[in-house]
N, C-alpha and C. Protein backbone atom coordinates (compact mmCIF):
# COMPACT_ATOMS: atom_id res chain seq x y z
N MET A 1 0.83 -1.20 0.00
CA MET A 1 0.00 0.00 0.00
C MET A 1 0.86 1.25 0.00
N GLY A 2 2.03 1.23 -0.52
CA GLY A 2 2.83 2.43 -0.66
C GLY A 2 3.21 3.10 0.64
N GLY A 3 3.41 2.34 1.71
CA GLY A 3 3.83 2.93 2.96
C GLY A 3 2.71 3.46 3.83
N ILE A 4 1.47 3.27 3.43
CA ILE A 4 0.33 3.74 4.23
C ILE A 4 0.16 2.80 5.43
N LYS A 5 0.08 3.39 6.61
CA LYS A 5 -0.09 2.61 7.83
C LYS A 5 -1.57 2.28 8.01
N MET A 6 -1.94 1.03 7.81
CA MET A 6 -3.34 0.62 7.83
C MET A 6 -3.86 0.30 9.22
N ASP A 7 -3.01 0.22 10.23
CA ASP A 7 -3.47 -0.12 11.57
C ASP A 7 -3.48 1.09 12.51
N ARG A 8 -3.57 2.27 11.95
CA ARG A 8 -3.53 3.49 12.77
C ARG A 8 -4.82 3.69 13.56
N PHE A 9 -5.96 3.22 13.04
CA PHE A 9 -7.24 3.45 13.69
C PHE A 9 -7.78 2.17 14.32
N GLU A 10 -8.45 2.35 15.47
CA GLU A 10 -9.04 1.23 16.20
C GLU A 10 -10.52 1.53 16.43
N LYS A 11 -11.38 0.56 16.10
CA LYS A 11 -12.81 0.72 16.33
C LYS A 11 -13.08 0.51 17.81
N ILE A 12 -13.66 1.52 18.46
CA ILE A 12 -13.95 1.49 19.89
C ILE A 12 -15.34 0.92 20.16
N SER A 13 -16.33 1.34 19.37
CA SER A 13 -17.68 0.82 19.53
C SER A 13 -18.42 0.87 18.21
N SER A 14 -19.45 0.04 18.12
CA SER A 14 -20.25 -0.03 16.90
C SER A 14 -21.67 -0.44 17.27
N GLN A 15 -22.64 0.17 16.60
CA GLN A 15 -24.02 -0.25 16.78
C GLN A 15 -24.77 -0.10 15.47
N GLY A 16 -25.73 -0.99 15.26
CA GLY A 16 -26.55 -0.96 14.06
C GLY A 16 -26.04 -1.91 12.99
N LYS A 17 -26.95 -2.27 12.08
CA LYS A 17 -26.62 -3.15 10.96
C LYS A 17 -26.76 -2.41 9.64
N LEU A 18 -27.94 -1.89 9.35
CA LEU A 18 -28.15 -1.14 8.11
C LEU A 18 -27.74 0.31 8.27
N THR A 19 -28.14 0.89 9.38
CA THR A 19 -27.67 2.22 9.76
C THR A 19 -26.63 2.01 10.85
N VAL A 20 -25.39 2.39 10.56
CA VAL A 20 -24.27 2.07 11.44
C VAL A 20 -23.69 3.34 12.06
N THR A 21 -23.46 3.31 13.36
CA THR A 21 -22.76 4.38 14.07
C THR A 21 -21.58 3.76 14.80
N GLU A 22 -20.39 4.32 14.58
CA GLU A 22 -19.18 3.77 15.18
C GLU A 22 -18.33 4.89 15.78
N ILE A 23 -17.55 4.53 16.80
CA ILE A 23 -16.54 5.43 17.36
C ILE A 23 -15.18 4.81 17.03
N TRP A 24 -14.30 5.63 16.44
CA TRP A 24 -12.95 5.19 16.07
C TRP A 24 -11.92 6.03 16.81
N LYS A 25 -10.79 5.42 17.15
CA LYS A 25 -9.71 6.13 17.83
C LYS A 25 -8.45 6.10 16.96
N ASP A 26 -7.84 7.26 16.79
CA ASP A 26 -6.54 7.37 16.14
C ASP A 26 -5.50 6.96 17.18
N LYS A 27 -4.83 5.84 16.96
CA LYS A 27 -3.88 5.31 17.95
C LYS A 27 -2.65 6.19 18.12
N GLU A 28 -2.34 7.02 17.15
CA GLU A 28 -1.17 7.90 17.26
C GLU A 28 -1.46 9.17 18.05
N THR A 29 -2.67 9.71 17.91
CA THR A 29 -3.00 10.98 18.57
C THR A 29 -4.00 10.82 19.71
N GLY A 30 -4.75 9.71 19.75
CA GLY A 30 -5.79 9.51 20.75
C GLY A 30 -7.10 10.20 20.42
N VAL A 31 -7.16 10.93 19.30
CA VAL A 31 -8.38 11.65 18.92
C VAL A 31 -9.48 10.65 18.57
N LEU A 32 -10.70 10.93 19.03
CA LEU A 32 -11.86 10.07 18.78
C LEU A 32 -12.68 10.64 17.64
N TYR A 33 -13.21 9.74 16.80
CA TYR A 33 -14.01 10.13 15.64
C TYR A 33 -15.34 9.40 15.66
N LEU A 34 -16.38 10.07 15.17
CA LEU A 34 -17.70 9.48 14.99
C LEU A 34 -17.87 9.18 13.51
N PHE A 35 -18.20 7.92 13.19
CA PHE A 35 -18.51 7.52 11.82
C PHE A 35 -19.96 7.09 11.79
N HIS A 36 -20.72 7.59 10.82
CA HIS A 36 -22.13 7.22 10.67
C HIS A 36 -22.39 6.89 9.22
N LYS A 37 -23.05 5.74 8.98
CA LYS A 37 -23.37 5.31 7.62
C LYS A 37 -24.83 4.91 7.57
N ASP A 38 -25.51 5.38 6.53
CA ASP A 38 -26.91 5.02 6.31
C ASP A 38 -27.09 4.81 4.82
N GLY A 39 -27.28 3.57 4.40
CA GLY A 39 -27.39 3.28 2.97
C GLY A 39 -26.08 3.55 2.26
N TYR A 40 -26.14 4.37 1.21
CA TYR A 40 -24.95 4.68 0.43
C TYR A 40 -24.23 5.94 0.92
N ALA A 41 -24.75 6.57 1.96
CA ALA A 41 -24.15 7.81 2.46
C ALA A 41 -23.46 7.55 3.80
N GLY A 42 -22.38 8.28 4.05
CA GLY A 42 -21.67 8.13 5.31
C GLY A 42 -20.82 9.35 5.58
N GLY A 43 -20.38 9.47 6.81
CA GLY A 43 -19.53 10.60 7.15
C GLY A 43 -18.69 10.30 8.37
N LEU A 44 -17.57 11.01 8.47
CA LEU A 44 -16.63 10.87 9.58
C LEU A 44 -16.31 12.26 10.09
N THR A 45 -16.39 12.44 11.41
CA THR A 45 -16.09 13.74 12.01
C THR A 45 -15.45 13.52 13.37
N PRO A 46 -14.55 14.40 13.79
CA PRO A 46 -13.98 14.24 15.13
C PRO A 46 -15.03 14.54 16.19
N LEU A 47 -15.00 13.78 17.28
CA LEU A 47 -15.83 14.11 18.43
C LEU A 47 -15.22 15.32 19.11
N LEU A 48 -16.07 16.18 19.65
CA LEU A 48 -15.58 17.41 20.29
C LEU A 48 -15.87 17.38 21.78
N ASP A 49 -14.99 17.99 22.57
CA ASP A 49 -15.21 18.09 24.01
C ASP A 49 -16.08 19.31 24.30
N LYS A 50 -16.28 19.62 25.58
CA LYS A 50 -17.16 20.73 25.96
C LYS A 50 -16.65 22.08 25.50
N ASP A 51 -15.35 22.19 25.19
CA ASP A 51 -14.77 23.44 24.72
C ASP A 51 -14.71 23.53 23.19
N GLY A 52 -15.23 22.50 22.52
CA GLY A 52 -15.22 22.50 21.06
C GLY A 52 -13.91 22.03 20.45
N LYS A 53 -13.05 21.44 21.27
CA LYS A 53 -11.78 20.90 20.79
C LYS A 53 -11.92 19.39 20.58
N PRO A 54 -11.10 18.80 19.72
CA PRO A 54 -11.20 17.35 19.49
C PRO A 54 -11.07 16.56 20.80
N ALA A 55 -11.99 15.61 20.98
CA ALA A 55 -11.95 14.75 22.17
C ALA A 55 -10.80 13.76 22.03
N VAL A 56 -10.03 13.61 23.11
CA VAL A 56 -8.88 12.71 23.12
C VAL A 56 -9.12 11.63 24.16
N ASP A 57 -8.87 10.38 23.76
CA ASP A 57 -9.02 9.24 24.67
C ASP A 57 -7.99 9.35 25.78
N GLN A 58 -8.44 9.38 27.03
CA GLN A 58 -7.54 9.52 28.17
C GLN A 58 -7.05 8.18 28.69
N GLN A 59 -7.57 7.08 28.15
CA GLN A 59 -7.21 5.74 28.62
C GLN A 59 -5.95 5.21 27.94
N GLY A 60 -5.39 5.96 27.02
CA GLY A 60 -4.17 5.52 26.35
C GLY A 60 -4.47 4.95 25.08
């Protein structure tokens, strides 16, 4: 894959079958992301803390 690191992200949680909502963690930065898919549409966005900054996993 041309040097692309494919194991950088870890799925933290997942729910749903047709409509899917998942939380992913960037293992290098600890930033958490929300992924949502419904049919052919989907999106990924960072989760934000109370101050509007990217949420970071504190558990390591």
